[in-house]
């Protein structure tokens, strides 16, 4: 039986809800055991074949807690099939990107028209799929799949610094807005696309 771990951070309740949706889809796959847990409660990774890591995107990168979790478990994760799902408020596809060598799913709720990164303004460049993925891979692992989902912005849930920063962002642009934008159907569609990875493997099969 193959074993799958879904580890996430509660700094974003949208990420937590998405993790539960992914779990509900994958736990029904035959021949697979799926565990869902907070990253800080992970006892060990050696028993797992697939590790699915969920995080919000903050300042062009995954959450600092998740970066630390990855760094601390890097040697073990190098021998696993690693999948990421990420929540953010704004994402635009770079049509000049040559691709990434693994599937990238973008929630259709991200409705910004794709464009070449050479024609993007600074806001778009820092929120492009190319920027997000390049930053993620720079000091991390090569995944077998990445899913991007629109999340939610609840100012009351943010720390003081993040709240002040987001207030400045909201004054500067309308591309990010306060509200709940999590798209359950997109999360479920992406999770179903992982069934082959969790049941038979892709990289190490």
Protein backbone atom coordinates (compact mmCIF):
# COMPACT_ATOMS: atom_id res chain seq x y z
CA UNK A 1 0.00 0.00 0.00
CA UNK A 2 1.31 3.44 -0.92
CA UNK A 3 1.27 6.10 1.75
CA UNK A 4 0.54 9.77 1.19
CA UNK A 5 1.02 12.66 3.59
CA UNK A 6 -0.75 16.01 3.22
CA UNK A 7 1.04 18.60 5.38
CA UNK A 8 -0.15 22.19 5.60
CA UNK A 9 0.18 25.39 7.62
CA UNK A 10 -2.78 27.00 9.38
CA UNK A 11 -1.48 30.55 8.83
CA UNK A 12 -4.09 30.59 6.05
CA UNK A 13 -7.50 29.05 6.67
CA UNK A 14 -8.00 28.84 2.90
CA UNK A 15 -4.96 26.57 2.67
CA UNK A 16 -6.30 24.48 5.54
CA UNK A 17 -9.67 24.08 3.83
CA UNK A 18 -7.99 23.19 0.54
CA UNK A 19 -5.94 20.53 2.34
CA UNK A 20 -9.13 18.94 3.64
CA UNK A 21 -10.63 18.93 0.14
CA UNK A 22 -7.54 17.24 -1.30
CA UNK A 23 -7.66 14.67 1.51
CA UNK A 24 -11.32 13.89 0.86
CA UNK A 25 -10.61 13.23 -2.82
CA UNK A 26 -7.52 11.09 -2.31
CA UNK A 27 -8.63 8.98 0.64
CA UNK A 28 -11.04 7.17 -1.71
CA UNK A 29 -8.25 5.96 -4.00
CA UNK A 30 -7.79 2.20 -3.78
CA UNK A 31 -4.52 0.93 -2.36
CA UNK A 32 -3.57 4.27 -0.82
CA UNK A 33 -3.37 5.42 2.79
CA UNK A 34 -3.67 9.20 3.16
CA UNK A 35 -2.76 11.15 6.30
CA UNK A 36 -3.65 14.82 6.83
CA UNK A 37 -1.76 16.85 9.41
CA UNK A 38 -0.30 20.21 10.34
CA UNK A 39 3.33 20.49 9.24
CA UNK A 40 4.48 20.94 12.84
CA UNK A 41 2.79 17.68 13.88
CA UNK A 42 4.57 15.55 11.28
CA UNK A 43 6.39 12.81 13.19
CA UNK A 44 8.50 11.60 10.28
CA UNK A 45 8.45 11.31 6.50
CA UNK A 46 10.33 8.08 5.84
CA UNK A 47 7.19 5.92 5.63
CA UNK A 48 5.55 8.04 2.92
CA UNK A 49 5.80 7.66 -0.84
CA UNK A 50 4.16 10.99 -1.66
CA UNK A 51 4.31 14.21 0.37
CA UNK A 52 1.79 16.94 -0.53
CA UNK A 53 2.68 20.33 0.94
CA UNK A 54 0.16 23.17 1.21
CA UNK A 55 1.03 26.80 1.82
CA UNK A 56 -0.16 30.32 1.10
CA UNK A 57 2.10 32.45 -1.10
CA UNK A 58 3.42 35.41 0.88
CA UNK A 59 5.90 37.93 -0.53
CA UNK A 60 6.52 35.80 -3.64
CA UNK A 61 7.29 32.65 -1.67
CA UNK A 62 5.70 29.95 0.42
CA UNK A 63 5.12 30.66 4.10
CA UNK A 64 8.29 30.88 6.23
CA UNK A 65 7.15 27.95 8.39
CA UNK A 66 6.82 25.76 5.32
CA UNK A 67 10.23 26.84 4.00
CA UNK A 68 11.75 25.80 7.33
CA UNK A 69 9.87 22.47 7.26
CA UNK A 70 11.21 21.74 3.77
CA UNK A 71 14.77 22.69 4.71
CA UNK A 72 14.72 20.51 7.82
CA UNK A 73 13.47 17.50 5.86
CA UNK A 74 15.28 18.13 2.58
CA UNK A 75 17.33 14.93 2.49
CA UNK A 76 14.28 12.74 3.10
CA UNK A 77 12.08 14.70 0.70
CA UNK A 78 14.60 14.26 -2.11
CA UNK A 79 13.57 10.60 -2.22
CA UNK A 80 9.83 11.29 -2.23
CA UNK A 81 7.36 12.42 -4.82
CA UNK A 82 6.63 15.96 -3.68
CA UNK A 83 3.52 17.90 -4.64
CA UNK A 84 2.70 21.51 -3.77
CA UNK A 85 -0.61 23.32 -3.57
CA UNK A 86 -0.48 27.06 -3.04
CA UNK A 87 -3.08 29.72 -2.33
CA UNK A 88 -2.77 33.36 -3.36
CA UNK A 89 -4.97 36.28 -4.40
CA UNK A 90 -3.53 37.15 -7.81
CA UNK A 91 -1.74 35.09 -10.42
CA UNK A 92 -1.03 35.71 -14.10
CA UNK A 93 0.37 33.24 -16.61
CA UNK A 94 3.57 34.12 -18.44
CA UNK A 95 3.17 33.17 -22.12
CA UNK A 96 6.93 33.38 -22.66
CA UNK A 97 7.60 30.61 -20.14
CA UNK A 98 9.07 27.46 -21.77
CA UNK A 99 7.32 25.31 -19.15
CA UNK A 100 8.51 23.70 -15.97
CA UNK A 101 8.84 19.97 -16.65
CA UNK A 102 5.88 19.08 -14.43
CA UNK A 103 2.14 19.82 -14.51
CA UNK A 104 1.03 23.22 -13.21
CA UNK A 105 -2.66 23.69 -12.47
CA UNK A 106 -4.05 27.21 -12.26
CA UNK A 107 -7.47 27.75 -10.72
CA UNK A 108 -9.68 29.23 -13.47
CA UNK A 109 -10.78 31.86 -10.94
CA UNK A 110 -7.50 33.59 -11.76
CA UNK A 111 -8.93 35.54 -14.66
CA UNK A 112 -6.06 37.86 -15.58
CA UNK A 113 -5.33 37.63 -19.29
CA UNK A 114 -2.03 35.78 -19.89
CA UNK A 115 0.76 37.88 -21.37
CA UNK A 116 4.53 37.75 -22.01
CA UNK A 117 6.52 38.59 -18.91
CA UNK A 118 8.48 41.10 -21.01
CA UNK A 119 5.26 43.13 -21.32
CA UNK A 120 4.16 42.85 -17.69
CA UNK A 121 4.32 45.70 -15.20
CA UNK A 122 6.06 45.15 -11.87
CA UNK A 123 2.88 43.98 -10.12
CA UNK A 124 2.26 41.34 -12.77
CA UNK A 125 5.87 40.16 -12.89
CA UNK A 126 5.97 39.54 -9.14
CA UNK A 127 2.67 37.65 -9.35
CA UNK A 128 3.40 35.62 -12.48
CA UNK A 129 3.52 31.83 -12.48
CA UNK A 130 7.15 32.09 -13.62
CA UNK A 131 8.13 34.25 -10.63
CA UNK A 132 6.29 32.14 -8.10
CA UNK A 133 7.63 28.82 -9.37
CA UNK A 134 11.20 30.03 -9.91
CA UNK A 135 11.27 31.37 -6.34
CA UNK A 136 9.83 28.13 -4.99
CA UNK A 137 12.35 25.96 -6.83
CA UNK A 138 15.39 28.11 -6.10
CA UNK A 139 15.98 26.66 -2.64
CA UNK A 140 13.57 23.76 -2.71
CA UNK A 141 12.67 20.53 -4.46
CA UNK A 142 11.53 19.65 -7.95
CA UNK A 143 7.86 18.68 -7.56
CA UNK A 144 5.80 16.26 -9.64
CA UNK A 145 2.84 18.66 -9.66
CA UNK A 146 1.86 22.14 -8.45
CA UNK A 147 -1.65 23.49 -7.97
CA UNK A 148 -2.38 27.21 -7.58
CA UNK A 149 -5.70 28.21 -6.03
CA UNK A 150 -7.29 31.53 -5.30
CA UNK A 151 -7.54 31.99 -1.54
CA UNK A 152 -9.07 34.56 0.75
CA UNK A 153 -8.10 37.81 2.36
CA UNK A 154 -9.43 38.43 5.86
CA UNK A 155 -7.61 41.42 7.31
CA UNK A 156 -8.53 40.42 10.87
CA UNK A 157 -6.60 37.16 10.52
CA UNK A 158 -3.32 38.87 9.57
CA UNK A 159 -0.51 39.93 11.84
CA UNK A 160 0.21 43.62 12.31
CA UNK A 161 2.96 43.82 9.67
CA UNK A 162 1.03 41.81 7.07
CA UNK A 163 -2.11 43.85 7.72
CA UNK A 164 -0.29 47.14 7.16
CA UNK A 165 1.40 45.78 4.06
CA UNK A 166 -1.88 44.57 2.56
CA UNK A 167 -3.56 47.90 3.26
CA UNK A 168 -0.84 49.51 1.18
CA UNK A 169 -1.31 46.94 -1.59
CA UNK A 170 -5.06 47.53 -1.67
CA UNK A 171 -4.48 51.26 -2.08
CA UNK A 172 -2.11 50.60 -4.98
CA UNK A 173 -4.07 48.02 -6.96
CA UNK A 174 -7.49 46.39 -7.30
CA UNK A 175 -5.95 43.12 -8.50
CA UNK A 176 -6.04 41.87 -4.91
CA UNK A 177 -9.22 42.27 -2.90
CA UNK A 178 -10.63 41.49 0.54
CA UNK A 179 -12.94 38.49 0.38
CA UNK A 180 -13.28 34.72 0.15
CA UNK A 181 -12.31 33.42 -3.29
CA UNK A 182 -11.52 29.77 -2.56
CA UNK A 183 -12.90 27.66 -5.41
CA UNK A 184 -13.74 24.15 -4.09
CA UNK A 185 -14.44 22.71 -7.54
CA UNK A 186 -10.97 23.75 -8.76
CA UNK A 187 -9.31 22.16 -5.72
CA UNK A 188 -11.25 18.93 -6.24
CA UNK A 189 -10.47 18.83 -9.97
CA UNK A 190 -6.76 19.19 -9.28
CA UNK A 191 -6.84 16.60 -6.49
CA UNK A 192 -8.43 14.07 -8.84
CA UNK A 193 -5.57 14.67 -11.29
CA UNK A 194 -3.19 13.37 -8.60
CA UNK A 195 -4.74 9.91 -8.42
CA UNK A 196 -2.16 8.36 -10.74
CA UNK A 197 0.71 9.90 -8.75
CA UNK A 198 -0.57 8.68 -5.39
CA UNK A 199 -1.63 5.22 -6.58
CA UNK A 200 1.23 4.12 -8.87
CA UNK A 201 3.77 6.93 -8.77
CA UNK A 202 5.24 8.96 -11.58
CA UNK A 203 8.84 9.88 -10.91
CA UNK A 204 10.07 6.72 -9.23
CA UNK A 205 7.72 4.12 -10.72
